[in-house]
Amino acid sequence: MLDLFPEAEKPVEIIPAKKLTARAAALYVAPADHFQTRPVDELRLGFDGISGDFHAGPTRRSGGREPWYPRGTEMRNERQISIVAADELGIVAERMELAEIKPEWIGANLVIEDVPHLSMLPAGTLLFFKGGVTLKVDAQNGPCRFAGRSIAENAGMADIEAGALLFPKAAKRLRGVVAWVERPGIVRAGEEISVRVPEQWIYQA
């Protein structure tokens, strides 16, 4: 078999794939006209995402995260589901000197337990829910001032604008991940999840 990485070249370290077991601790849905979510007992998922949710749809409009497109360009919606971890939100709250940050304040759809460093899950990670749903992680969810303002307002911070600006710094690499629906169905609160992390490597040209 062809050796793609001969000894004469700098070797590329391959980190093996792994499996984890997790749990869907809490579920949330956003109304169609606002990104903040509310608790629910189940999520009804189609290929467009969560039925009726603010972020549902096969496509979305580009924003500040996609500077390579003019703002408002229609593109594939890879941000159908926002996933966070309670322990990471606790760290962000502490950095912002708040008692708590509720998942619904930042538009989360799913809180997952028992995955260390959830926000560091690589693109391509698959979440297999016991009931049959599969989600595929696309990327980290970059914290923004829009979510920061929501936190500041809901937490009653004295300086709303300062809170909005603080969140992107405090939540860097701790704001969770976004995912899209690979296999639709219904996710229920408390459901077991099999997490399959793919092989990883650092690409260097």
N, C-alpha and C. Protein backbone atom coordinates (compact mmCIF):
# COMPACT_ATOMS: atom_id res chain seq x y z
N MET A 1 0.84 -1.20 0.00
CA MET A 1 0.00 0.00 0.00
C MET A 1 0.88 1.26 0.00
N LEU A 2 0.48 2.28 -0.73
CA LEU A 2 1.25 3.51 -0.83
C LEU A 2 1.37 4.18 0.53
N ASP A 3 2.62 4.51 0.90
CA ASP A 3 2.88 5.20 2.17
C ASP A 3 2.81 6.71 1.92
N LEU A 4 1.75 7.34 2.39
CA LEU A 4 1.55 8.77 2.14
C LEU A 4 2.49 9.64 2.98
N PHE A 5 3.02 9.08 4.06
CA PHE A 5 3.86 9.85 4.96
C PHE A 5 5.17 9.10 5.21
N PRO A 6 6.08 9.04 4.23
CA PRO A 6 7.34 8.31 4.41
C PRO A 6 8.18 8.94 5.50
N GLU A 7 9.11 8.15 6.06
CA GLU A 7 9.93 8.60 7.17
C GLU A 7 10.76 9.83 6.83
N ALA A 8 11.08 10.01 5.53
CA ALA A 8 11.90 11.15 5.11
C ALA A 8 11.18 12.48 5.32
N GLU A 9 9.86 12.43 5.40
CA GLU A 9 9.07 13.64 5.58
C GLU A 9 8.65 13.77 7.05
N LYS A 10 8.25 14.97 7.42
CA LYS A 10 7.75 15.18 8.77
C LYS A 10 6.46 14.38 8.95
N PRO A 11 6.42 13.47 9.92
CA PRO A 11 5.22 12.63 10.07
C PRO A 11 4.00 13.44 10.54
N VAL A 12 2.84 13.01 10.11
CA VAL A 12 1.59 13.62 10.55
C VAL A 12 1.00 12.74 11.64
N GLU A 13 0.80 13.29 12.81
CA GLU A 13 0.27 12.51 13.92
C GLU A 13 -1.23 12.31 13.74
N ILE A 14 -1.65 11.08 13.77
CA ILE A 14 -3.06 10.74 13.66
C ILE A 14 -3.58 10.34 15.03
N ILE A 15 -4.57 11.05 15.52
CA ILE A 15 -5.20 10.72 16.80
C ILE A 15 -6.38 9.81 16.51
N PRO A 16 -6.41 8.61 17.07
CA PRO A 16 -7.47 7.64 16.74
C PRO A 16 -8.87 8.13 17.10
N ALA A 17 -9.84 7.58 16.40
CA ALA A 17 -11.24 7.86 16.70
C ALA A 17 -11.58 7.28 18.08
N LYS A 18 -12.62 7.83 18.69
CA LYS A 18 -13.04 7.30 19.99
C LYS A 18 -14.55 7.43 20.14
N LYS A 19 -15.08 6.66 21.10
CA LYS A 19 -16.50 6.69 21.40
C LYS A 19 -16.70 7.13 22.85
N LEU A 20 -17.73 7.94 23.06
CA LEU A 20 -18.11 8.41 24.40
C LEU A 20 -19.60 8.16 24.59
N THR A 21 -20.01 8.09 25.83
CA THR A 21 -21.43 7.99 26.15
C THR A 21 -21.86 9.26 26.87
N ALA A 22 -22.95 9.85 26.42
CA ALA A 22 -23.42 11.12 26.98
C ALA A 22 -24.93 11.06 27.20
N ARG A 23 -25.47 12.19 27.65
CA ARG A 23 -26.91 12.26 27.92
C ARG A 23 -27.45 13.63 27.53
N ALA A 24 -28.64 13.63 26.97
CA ALA A 24 -29.33 14.87 26.64
C ALA A 24 -29.99 15.40 27.92
N ALA A 25 -29.29 16.32 28.60
CA ALA A 25 -29.74 16.78 29.91
C ALA A 25 -30.94 17.71 29.83
N ALA A 26 -31.01 18.56 28.79
CA ALA A 26 -32.11 19.51 28.66
C ALA A 26 -32.29 19.90 27.21
N LEU A 27 -33.53 20.20 26.83
CA LEU A 27 -33.89 20.52 25.45
C LEU A 27 -34.59 21.88 25.40
N TYR A 28 -34.38 22.60 24.30
CA TYR A 28 -34.94 23.95 24.18
C TYR A 28 -35.31 24.22 22.72
N VAL A 29 -36.34 25.05 22.56
CA VAL A 29 -36.78 25.47 21.23
C VAL A 29 -36.97 26.98 21.23
N ALA A 30 -36.63 27.62 20.11
CA ALA A 30 -36.83 29.07 19.98
C ALA A 30 -38.09 29.33 19.16
N PRO A 31 -38.84 30.37 19.50
CA PRO A 31 -39.96 30.75 18.63
C PRO A 31 -39.43 31.21 17.29
N ALA A 32 -40.27 31.22 16.29
CA ALA A 32 -39.82 31.53 14.94
C ALA A 32 -39.29 32.95 14.79
N ASP A 33 -39.65 33.85 15.73
CA ASP A 33 -39.28 35.25 15.56
C ASP A 33 -38.21 35.74 16.54
N HIS A 34 -37.59 34.82 17.33
CA HIS A 34 -36.59 35.25 18.30
C HIS A 34 -35.63 34.12 18.59
N PHE A 35 -34.34 34.45 18.81
CA PHE A 35 -33.35 33.39 18.97
C PHE A 35 -33.33 32.79 20.37
N GLN A 36 -33.84 33.50 21.40
CA GLN A 36 -33.86 32.92 22.74
C GLN A 36 -34.81 31.73 22.79
N THR A 37 -34.41 30.70 23.53
CA THR A 37 -35.17 29.46 23.54
C THR A 37 -35.96 29.28 24.84
N ARG A 38 -36.79 28.25 24.86
CA ARG A 38 -37.56 27.90 26.06
C ARG A 38 -37.48 26.38 26.25
N PRO A 39 -37.55 25.90 27.51
CA PRO A 39 -37.43 24.46 27.76
C PRO A 39 -38.61 23.66 27.19
N VAL A 40 -38.31 22.48 26.67
CA VAL A 40 -39.32 21.55 26.17
C VAL A 40 -38.92 20.13 26.58
N ASP A 41 -39.85 19.21 26.46
CA ASP A 41 -39.58 17.81 26.81
C ASP A 41 -39.02 17.00 25.64
N GLU A 42 -39.24 17.50 24.41
CA GLU A 42 -38.76 16.77 23.25
C GLU A 42 -38.50 17.73 22.09
N LEU A 43 -37.63 17.30 21.19
CA LEU A 43 -37.33 18.04 19.97
C LEU A 43 -37.77 17.20 18.79
N ARG A 44 -38.60 17.76 17.94
CA ARG A 44 -39.02 17.08 16.71
C ARG A 44 -38.14 17.58 15.57
N LEU A 45 -37.31 16.69 15.08
CA LEU A 45 -36.29 17.06 14.12
C LEU A 45 -36.56 16.49 12.73
N GLY A 46 -36.46 17.37 11.74
CA GLY A 46 -36.50 16.96 10.34
C GLY A 46 -35.18 17.31 9.70
N PHE A 47 -35.07 17.12 8.41
CA PHE A 47 -33.82 17.47 7.73
C PHE A 47 -33.58 18.98 7.73
N ASP A 48 -34.63 19.75 8.02
CA ASP A 48 -34.50 21.21 8.10
C ASP A 48 -34.14 21.68 9.51
N GLY A 49 -34.04 20.76 10.46
CA GLY A 49 -33.76 21.14 11.84
C GLY A 49 -34.97 20.92 12.73
N ILE A 50 -35.11 21.77 13.75
CA ILE A 50 -36.23 21.66 14.69
C ILE A 50 -37.45 22.34 14.10
N SER A 51 -38.54 21.63 14.03
CA SER A 51 -39.77 22.17 13.45
C SER A 51 -40.18 23.47 14.14
N GLY A 52 -40.29 24.55 13.37
CA GLY A 52 -40.74 25.83 13.89
C GLY A 52 -39.70 26.65 14.61
N ASP A 53 -38.47 26.15 14.73
CA ASP A 53 -37.43 26.86 15.48
C ASP A 53 -36.87 28.03 14.67
N PHE A 54 -36.33 29.01 15.39
CA PHE A 54 -35.76 30.21 14.79
C PHE A 54 -34.67 29.87 13.78
N HIS A 55 -33.89 28.81 14.05
CA HIS A 55 -32.77 28.45 13.17
C HIS A 55 -33.10 27.30 12.21
N ALA A 56 -34.37 26.95 12.09
CA ALA A 56 -34.75 25.86 11.19
C ALA A 56 -34.62 26.30 9.73
N GLY A 57 -34.45 25.32 8.86
CA GLY A 57 -34.40 25.59 7.44
C GLY A 57 -33.22 24.94 6.76
N PRO A 58 -33.33 24.62 5.47
CA PRO A 58 -32.22 24.01 4.74
C PRO A 58 -31.12 25.01 4.42
N THR A 59 -31.45 26.29 4.40
CA THR A 59 -30.46 27.33 4.13
C THR A 59 -30.60 28.45 5.17
N ARG A 60 -29.59 29.32 5.21
CA ARG A 60 -29.62 30.49 6.08
C ARG A 60 -28.91 31.64 5.38
N ARG A 61 -28.95 32.82 5.97
CA ARG A 61 -28.27 33.98 5.42
C ARG A 61 -26.92 34.18 6.11
N SER A 62 -25.90 34.46 5.34
CA SER A 62 -24.57 34.65 5.90
C SER A 62 -24.52 35.90 6.76
N GLY A 63 -23.60 35.90 7.74
CA GLY A 63 -23.43 37.04 8.64
C GLY A 63 -21.97 37.33 8.86
N GLY A 64 -21.66 37.84 10.05
CA GLY A 64 -20.29 38.21 10.37
C GLY A 64 -19.33 37.04 10.43
N ARG A 65 -19.85 35.82 10.64
CA ARG A 65 -18.97 34.64 10.71
C ARG A 65 -18.49 34.20 9.33
N GLU A 66 -19.08 34.75 8.28
CA GLU A 66 -18.72 34.36 6.90
C GLU A 66 -18.30 35.60 6.11
N PRO A 67 -17.15 36.19 6.45
CA PRO A 67 -16.73 37.42 5.77
C PRO A 67 -16.41 37.22 4.29
N TRP A 68 -16.28 35.97 3.84
CA TRP A 68 -15.98 35.69 2.44
C TRP A 68 -17.20 35.85 1.55
N TYR A 69 -18.42 36.01 2.15
CA TYR A 69 -19.62 36.28 1.38
C TYR A 69 -20.16 37.66 1.72
N PRO A 70 -20.83 38.33 0.79
CA PRO A 70 -21.57 39.54 1.17
C PRO A 70 -22.62 39.17 2.21
N ARG A 71 -22.77 40.01 3.22
CA ARG A 71 -23.73 39.73 4.28
C ARG A 71 -25.13 39.52 3.69
N GLY A 72 -25.80 38.45 4.15
CA GLY A 72 -27.13 38.15 3.65
C GLY A 72 -27.16 37.16 2.51
N THR A 73 -25.99 36.62 2.12
CA THR A 73 -25.95 35.63 1.04
C THR A 73 -26.60 34.33 1.50
N GLU A 74 -27.46 33.76 0.67
CA GLU A 74 -28.08 32.48 1.02
C GLU A 74 -27.04 31.37 0.93
N MET A 75 -26.98 30.54 1.97
CA MET A 75 -25.99 29.46 2.03
C MET A 75 -26.58 28.27 2.78
N ARG A 76 -25.90 27.16 2.73
CA ARG A 76 -26.33 25.95 3.43
C ARG A 76 -26.42 26.21 4.92
N ASN A 77 -27.47 25.74 5.57
CA ASN A 77 -27.66 25.93 7.01
C ASN A 77 -27.02 24.78 7.77
N GLU A 78 -25.82 25.01 8.26
CA GLU A 78 -25.11 24.02 9.06
C GLU A 78 -25.25 24.33 10.55
N ARG A 79 -26.06 25.34 10.88
CA ARG A 79 -26.23 25.79 12.27
C ARG A 79 -27.65 25.51 12.76
N GLN A 80 -28.20 24.35 12.41
CA GLN A 80 -29.59 24.04 12.78
C GLN A 80 -29.76 23.84 14.28
N ILE A 81 -28.75 23.27 14.93
CA ILE A 81 -28.84 22.93 16.35
C ILE A 81 -27.67 23.55 17.11
N SER A 82 -27.97 24.23 18.20
CA SER A 82 -26.94 24.80 19.08
C SER A 82 -26.82 23.93 20.32
N ILE A 83 -25.60 23.43 20.58
CA ILE A 83 -25.36 22.49 21.68
C ILE A 83 -24.38 23.09 22.67
N VAL A 84 -24.71 23.03 23.96
CA VAL A 84 -23.83 23.56 25.00
C VAL A 84 -23.67 22.56 26.13
N ALA A 85 -22.72 22.87 27.04
CA ALA A 85 -22.49 22.05 28.23
C ALA A 85 -22.62 22.93 29.46
N ALA A 86 -23.27 22.43 30.50
CA ALA A 86 -23.50 23.21 31.71
C ALA A 86 -22.20 23.61 32.39
N ASP A 87 -21.21 22.71 32.39
CA ASP A 87 -19.96 23.05 33.07
C ASP A 87 -19.22 24.19 32.37
N GLU A 88 -19.29 24.23 31.05
CA GLU A 88 -18.64 25.31 30.32
C GLU A 88 -19.37 26.64 30.53
N LEU A 89 -20.70 26.60 30.56
CA LEU A 89 -21.45 27.83 30.84
C LEU A 89 -21.14 28.34 32.24
N GLY A 90 -20.87 27.41 33.17
CA GLY A 90 -20.50 27.81 34.53
C GLY A 90 -19.19 28.57 34.56
N ILE A 91 -18.23 28.14 33.73
CA ILE A 91 -16.95 28.83 33.65
C ILE A 91 -17.15 30.24 33.09
N VAL A 92 -17.95 30.34 32.04
CA VAL A 92 -18.20 31.65 31.43
C VAL A 92 -18.90 32.58 32.42
N ALA A 93 -19.87 32.05 33.15
CA ALA A 93 -20.57 32.86 34.14
C ALA A 93 -19.61 33.39 35.20
N GLU A 94 -18.70 32.53 35.65
CA GLU A 94 -17.72 32.95 36.64
C GLU A 94 -16.83 34.06 36.09
N ARG A 95 -16.41 33.93 34.85
CA ARG A 95 -15.57 34.96 34.23
C ARG A 95 -16.30 36.28 34.10
N MET A 96 -17.63 36.21 33.92
CA MET A 96 -18.43 37.43 33.78
C MET A 96 -18.97 37.92 35.12
N GLU A 97 -18.58 37.21 36.19
CA GLU A 97 -19.02 37.55 37.56
C GLU A 97 -20.55 37.51 37.68
N LEU A 98 -21.13 36.44 37.11
CA LEU A 98 -22.57 36.21 37.18
C LEU A 98 -22.84 34.92 37.96
N ALA A 99 -24.01 34.84 38.58
CA ALA A 99 -24.39 33.64 39.30
C ALA A 99 -24.60 32.46 38.36
N GLU A 100 -25.11 32.74 37.15
CA GLU A 100 -25.37 31.69 36.17
C GLU A 100 -25.57 32.29 34.79
N ILE A 101 -25.45 31.45 33.79
CA ILE A 101 -25.88 31.76 32.43
C ILE A 101 -26.80 30.64 32.00
N LYS A 102 -28.05 30.94 31.78
CA LYS A 102 -29.00 29.91 31.38
C LYS A 102 -28.86 29.62 29.89
N PRO A 103 -28.96 28.34 29.51
CA PRO A 103 -28.80 27.98 28.09
C PRO A 103 -29.76 28.74 27.17
N GLU A 104 -30.97 28.98 27.64
CA GLU A 104 -31.96 29.65 26.79
C GLU A 104 -31.60 31.10 26.48
N TRP A 105 -30.80 31.72 27.34
CA TRP A 105 -30.40 33.11 27.10
C TRP A 105 -29.56 33.24 25.83
N ILE A 106 -28.82 32.20 25.48
CA ILE A 106 -27.95 32.26 24.31
C ILE A 106 -28.46 31.37 23.17
N GLY A 107 -29.73 31.01 23.24
CA GLY A 107 -30.35 30.29 22.14
C GLY A 107 -29.96 28.84 22.00
N ALA A 108 -29.54 28.19 23.08
CA ALA A 108 -29.17 26.77 23.00
C ALA A 108 -30.40 25.90 22.78
N ASN A 109 -30.21 24.83 22.03
CA ASN A 109 -31.28 23.85 21.82
C ASN A 109 -31.08 22.57 22.63
N LEU A 110 -29.83 22.32 23.00
CA LEU A 110 -29.51 21.04 23.64
C LEU A 110 -28.36 21.21 24.62
N VAL A 111 -28.58 20.73 25.84
CA VAL A 111 -27.51 20.67 26.84
C VAL A 111 -27.09 19.21 26.96
N ILE A 112 -25.81 18.95 26.74
CA ILE A 112 -25.29 17.59 26.81
C ILE A 112 -24.40 17.43 28.03
N GLU A 113 -24.58 16.33 28.75
CA GLU A 113 -23.76 16.00 29.91
C GLU A 113 -22.77 14.89 29.58
N ASP A 114 -21.67 14.86 30.33
CA ASP A 114 -20.69 13.77 30.32
C ASP A 114 -19.75 13.76 29.11
N VAL A 115 -19.65 14.87 28.40
CA VAL A 115 -18.65 15.00 27.33
C VAL A 115 -17.62 16.03 27.78
N PRO A 116 -16.41 15.60 28.14
CA PRO A 116 -15.39 16.57 28.56
C PRO A 116 -15.05 17.53 27.42
N HIS A 117 -14.92 18.80 27.76
CA HIS A 117 -14.53 19.82 26.77
C HIS A 117 -15.44 19.77 25.53
N LEU A 118 -16.72 19.84 25.75
CA LEU A 118 -17.70 19.71 24.66
C LEU A 118 -17.37 20.65 23.50
N SER A 119 -17.00 21.88 23.80
CA SER A 119 -16.76 22.86 22.74
C SER A 119 -15.59 22.50 21.84
N MET A 120 -14.77 21.56 22.27
CA MET A 120 -13.61 21.15 21.48
C MET A 120 -13.89 19.92 20.60
N LEU A 121 -15.13 19.44 20.59
CA LEU A 121 -15.45 18.33 19.69
C LEU A 121 -15.16 18.74 18.26
N PRO A 122 -14.45 17.91 17.50
CA PRO A 122 -14.08 18.30 16.14
C PRO A 122 -15.26 18.18 15.17
N ALA A 123 -15.15 18.93 14.08
CA ALA A 123 -16.12 18.81 13.00
C ALA A 123 -16.19 17.36 12.54
N GLY A 124 -17.39 16.90 12.26
CA GLY A 124 -17.56 15.52 11.83
C GLY A 124 -17.96 14.57 12.94
N THR A 125 -17.91 15.03 14.20
CA THR A 125 -18.36 14.19 15.31
C THR A 125 -19.84 13.86 15.13
N LEU A 126 -20.18 12.61 15.35
CA LEU A 126 -21.57 12.15 15.20
C LEU A 126 -22.18 11.89 16.57
N LEU A 127 -23.41 12.36 16.75
CA LEU A 127 -24.16 12.14 17.97
C LEU A 127 -25.34 11.23 17.65
N PHE A 128 -25.24 9.98 18.11
CA PHE A 128 -26.29 9.00 17.86
C PHE A 128 -27.19 8.91 19.09
N PHE A 129 -28.42 9.39 18.98
CA PHE A 129 -29.37 9.35 20.08
C PHE A 129 -30.06 7.99 20.12
N LYS A 130 -30.34 7.52 21.33
CA LYS A 130 -30.89 6.17 21.50
C LYS A 130 -32.20 6.00 20.73
N GLY A 131 -32.97 7.08 20.60
CA GLY A 131 -34.25 7.01 19.90
C GLY A 131 -34.13 6.98 18.39
N GLY A 132 -32.92 7.16 17.84
CA GLY A 132 -32.74 7.04 16.40
C GLY A 132 -32.21 8.27 15.69
N VAL A 133 -32.27 9.43 16.33
CA VAL A 133 -31.80 10.67 15.70
C VAL A 133 -30.27 10.68 15.62
N THR A 134 -29.73 11.24 14.55
CA THR A 134 -28.29 11.48 14.44
C THR A 134 -28.05 12.94 14.11
N LEU A 135 -27.16 13.57 14.88
CA LEU A 135 -26.71 14.93 14.59
C LEU A 135 -25.23 14.88 14.22
N LYS A 136 -24.82 15.78 13.33
CA LYS A 136 -23.42 15.86 12.92
C LYS A 136 -22.88 17.24 13.28
N VAL A 137 -21.81 17.26 14.07
CA VAL A 137 -21.21 18.52 14.50
C VAL A 137 -20.52 19.18 13.32
N ASP A 138 -20.79 20.47 13.13
CA ASP A 138 -20.14 21.22 12.06
C ASP A 138 -18.93 21.98 12.56
N ALA A 139 -19.06 22.70 13.68
CA ALA A 139 -17.97 23.56 14.15
C ALA A 139 -18.28 24.09 15.54
N GLN A 140 -17.28 24.76 16.12
CA GLN A 140 -17.52 25.51 17.34
C GLN A 140 -18.49 26.66 17.05
N ASN A 141 -19.25 27.02 18.06
CA ASN A 141 -20.17 28.15 17.94
C ASN A 141 -19.46 29.38 18.51
N GLY A 142 -19.02 30.25 17.64
CA GLY A 142 -18.30 31.44 18.10
C GLY A 142 -19.19 32.39 18.88
N PRO A 143 -18.78 32.80 20.08
CA PRO A 143 -19.59 33.73 20.88
C PRO A 143 -19.65 35.11 20.24
N CYS A 144 -20.80 35.77 20.34
CA CYS A 144 -20.98 37.08 19.71
C CYS A 144 -21.62 38.06 20.69
N ARG A 145 -21.59 39.33 20.33
CA ARG A 145 -22.16 40.37 21.18
C ARG A 145 -23.68 40.26 21.28
N PHE A 146 -24.31 39.71 20.24
CA PHE A 146 -25.77 39.57 20.25
C PHE A 146 -26.20 38.67 21.41
N ALA A 147 -25.53 37.52 21.56
CA ALA A 147 -25.82 36.63 22.69
C ALA A 147 -25.37 37.27 23.99
N GLY A 148 -24.25 38.01 23.95
CA GLY A 148 -23.78 38.69 25.15
C GLY A 148 -24.77 39.71 25.67
N ARG A 149 -25.42 40.41 24.76
CA ARG A 149 -26.44 41.39 25.17
C ARG A 149 -27.62 40.69 25.83
N SER A 150 -28.00 39.54 25.28
CA SER A 150 -29.10 38.77 25.86
C SER A 150 -28.75 38.34 27.28
N ILE A 151 -27.52 37.90 27.50
CA ILE A 151 -27.08 37.52 28.85
C ILE A 151 -27.14 38.71 29.78
N ALA A 152 -26.57 39.83 29.33
CA ALA A 152 -26.53 41.03 30.17
C ALA A 152 -27.92 41.49 30.57
N GLU A 153 -28.86 41.44 29.64
CA GLU A 153 -30.23 41.88 29.92
C GLU A 153 -30.92 40.91 30.87
N ASN A 154 -30.81 39.61 30.60
CA ASN A 154 -31.48 38.62 31.44
C ASN A 154 -30.88 38.52 32.84
N ALA A 155 -29.57 38.75 32.95
CA ALA A 155 -28.90 38.67 34.25
C ALA A 155 -29.00 39.97 35.03
N GLY A 156 -29.54 41.01 34.38
CA GLY A 156 -29.69 42.29 35.06
C GLY A 156 -28.38 43.01 35.30
N MET A 157 -27.43 42.87 34.37
CA MET A 157 -26.15 43.55 34.53
C MET A 157 -26.35 45.07 34.47
N ALA A 158 -25.59 45.78 35.26
CA ALA A 158 -25.74 47.24 35.32
C ALA A 158 -25.36 47.91 34.01
N ASP A 159 -24.34 47.37 33.34
CA ASP A 159 -23.89 47.94 32.07
C ASP A 159 -24.13 46.90 30.97
N ILE A 160 -25.22 47.06 30.25
CA ILE A 160 -25.61 46.09 29.23
C ILE A 160 -24.57 46.00 28.12
N GLU A 161 -24.09 47.14 27.66
CA GLU A 161 -23.13 47.14 26.56
C GLU A 161 -21.81 46.49 26.97
N ALA A 162 -21.37 46.74 28.20
CA ALA A 162 -20.14 46.12 28.68
C ALA A 162 -20.30 44.60 28.75
N GLY A 163 -21.46 44.15 29.18
CA GLY A 163 -21.73 42.71 29.24
C GLY A 163 -21.74 42.09 27.86
N ALA A 164 -22.33 42.80 26.90
CA ALA A 164 -22.37 42.31 25.53
C ALA A 164 -20.97 42.14 24.96
N LEU A 165 -20.08 43.07 25.29
CA LEU A 165 -18.70 43.02 24.79
C LEU A 165 -17.85 42.01 25.54
N LEU A 166 -18.19 41.76 26.80
CA LEU A 166 -17.40 40.83 27.61
C LEU A 166 -17.63 39.38 27.21
N PHE A 167 -18.84 39.03 26.84
CA PHE A 167 -19.17 37.64 26.54
C PHE A 167 -18.28 37.01 25.47
N PRO A 168 -18.04 37.65 24.32
CA PRO A 168 -17.17 37.00 23.32
C PRO A 168 -15.79 36.68 23.84
N LYS A 169 -15.25 37.47 24.76
CA LYS A 169 -13.94 37.19 25.33
C LYS A 169 -14.02 36.09 26.37
N ALA A 170 -15.04 36.16 27.24
CA ALA A 170 -15.17 35.18 28.33
C ALA A 170 -15.55 33.79 27.82
N ALA A 171 -16.26 33.73 26.70
CA ALA A 171 -16.80 32.45 26.21
C ALA A 171 -16.02 31.86 25.05
N LYS A 172 -14.85 32.41 24.74
CA LYS A 172 -14.08 31.87 23.62
C LYS A 172 -13.75 30.40 23.84
N ARG A 173 -14.13 29.56 22.89
CA ARG A 173 -13.95 28.11 22.93
C ARG A 173 -14.71 27.43 24.08
N LEU A 174 -15.74 28.09 24.57
CA LEU A 174 -16.58 27.52 25.63
C LEU A 174 -18.07 27.69 25.33
N ARG A 175 -18.41 28.11 24.11
CA ARG A 175 -19.80 28.44 23.79
C ARG A 175 -20.55 27.26 23.14
N GLY A 176 -19.89 26.10 23.11
CA GLY A 176 -20.53 24.92 22.55
C GLY A 176 -20.26 24.76 21.07
N VAL A 177 -21.06 23.92 20.43
CA VAL A 177 -20.90 23.62 19.01
C VAL A 177 -22.24 23.74 18.30
N VAL A 178 -22.17 23.83 16.98
CA VAL A 178 -23.39 23.79 16.17
C VAL A 178 -23.38 22.51 15.36
N ALA A 179 -24.59 22.03 15.05
CA ALA A 179 -24.72 20.75 14.34
C ALA A 179 -25.92 20.81 13.41
N TRP A 180 -25.98 19.83 12.53
CA TRP A 180 -27.13 19.71 11.63
C TRP A 180 -27.67 18.29 11.70
N VAL A 181 -28.90 18.13 11.25
CA VAL A 181 -29.61 16.85 11.36
C VAL A 181 -29.21 15.93 10.21
N GLU A 182 -28.57 14.82 10.57
CA GLU A 182 -28.24 13.82 9.55
C GLU A 182 -29.34 12.77 9.43
N ARG A 183 -29.95 12.43 10.57
CA ARG A 183 -31.07 11.48 10.56
C ARG A 183 -32.16 12.04 11.46
N PRO A 184 -33.35 12.31 10.91
CA PRO A 184 -34.41 12.96 11.70
C PRO A 184 -35.13 12.01 12.65
N GLY A 185 -35.95 12.61 13.50
CA GLY A 185 -36.73 11.86 14.48
C GLY A 185 -37.03 12.73 15.67
N ILE A 186 -37.27 12.10 16.81
CA ILE A 186 -37.61 12.83 18.04
C ILE A 186 -36.55 12.57 19.10
N VAL A 187 -36.04 13.65 19.69
CA VAL A 187 -35.11 13.55 20.81
C VAL A 187 -35.87 13.90 22.09
N ARG A 188 -35.69 13.10 23.13
CA ARG A 188 -36.39 13.33 24.40
C ARG A 188 -35.39 13.64 25.51
N ALA A 189 -35.82 14.45 26.44
CA ALA A 189 -34.96 14.83 27.57
C ALA A 189 -34.53 13.59 28.33
N GLY A 190 -33.26 13.52 28.69
CA GLY A 190 -32.71 12.38 29.41
C GLY A 190 -32.20 11.26 28.53
N GLU A 191 -32.36 11.40 27.22
CA GLU A 191 -32.00 10.34 26.29
C GLU A 191 -30.48 10.10 26.26
N GLU A 192 -30.09 8.84 26.13
CA GLU A 192 -28.68 8.49 26.03
C GLU A 192 -28.16 8.79 24.63
N ILE A 193 -26.89 9.21 24.56
CA ILE A 193 -26.26 9.56 23.29
C ILE A 193 -24.93 8.81 23.16
N SER A 194 -24.71 8.21 22.00
CA SER A 194 -23.40 7.64 21.69
C SER A 194 -22.65 8.67 20.84
N VAL A 195 -21.53 9.14 21.35
CA VAL A 195 -20.74 10.17 20.67
C VAL A 195 -19.56 9.51 19.98
N ARG A 196 -19.46 9.69 18.68
CA ARG A 196 -18.37 9.09 17.92
C ARG A 196 -17.48 10.20 17.37
N VAL A 197 -16.31 10.34 17.99
CA VAL A 197 -15.35 11.35 17.60
C VAL A 197 -14.46 10.78 16.50
N PRO A 198 -14.33 11.45 15.34
CA PRO A 198 -13.55 10.89 14.24
C PRO A 198 -12.05 11.01 14.48
N GLU A 199 -11.27 10.35 13.62
CA GLU A 199 -9.83 10.55 13.64
C GLU A 199 -9.51 12.04 13.50
N GLN A 200 -8.42 12.46 14.12
CA GLN A 200 -8.04 13.87 14.04
C GLN A 200 -6.56 14.00 13.69
N TRP A 201 -6.23 15.11 13.06
CA TRP A 201 -4.85 15.43 12.73
C TRP A 201 -4.76 16.93 12.48
N ILE A 202 -3.54 17.44 12.53
CA ILE A 202 -3.29 18.85 12.23
C ILE A 202 -2.73 18.94 10.81
N TYR A 203 -3.46 19.60 9.94
CA TYR A 203 -3.00 19.72 8.56
C TYR A 203 -1.92 20.79 8.46
N GLN A 204 -0.80 20.42 7.87
CA GLN A 204 0.28 21.36 7.62
C GLN A 204 0.77 21.19 6.19
N ALA A 205 0.72 22.25 5.41
CA ALA A 205 1.12 22.16 4.01
C ALA A 205 2.65 22.07 3.89
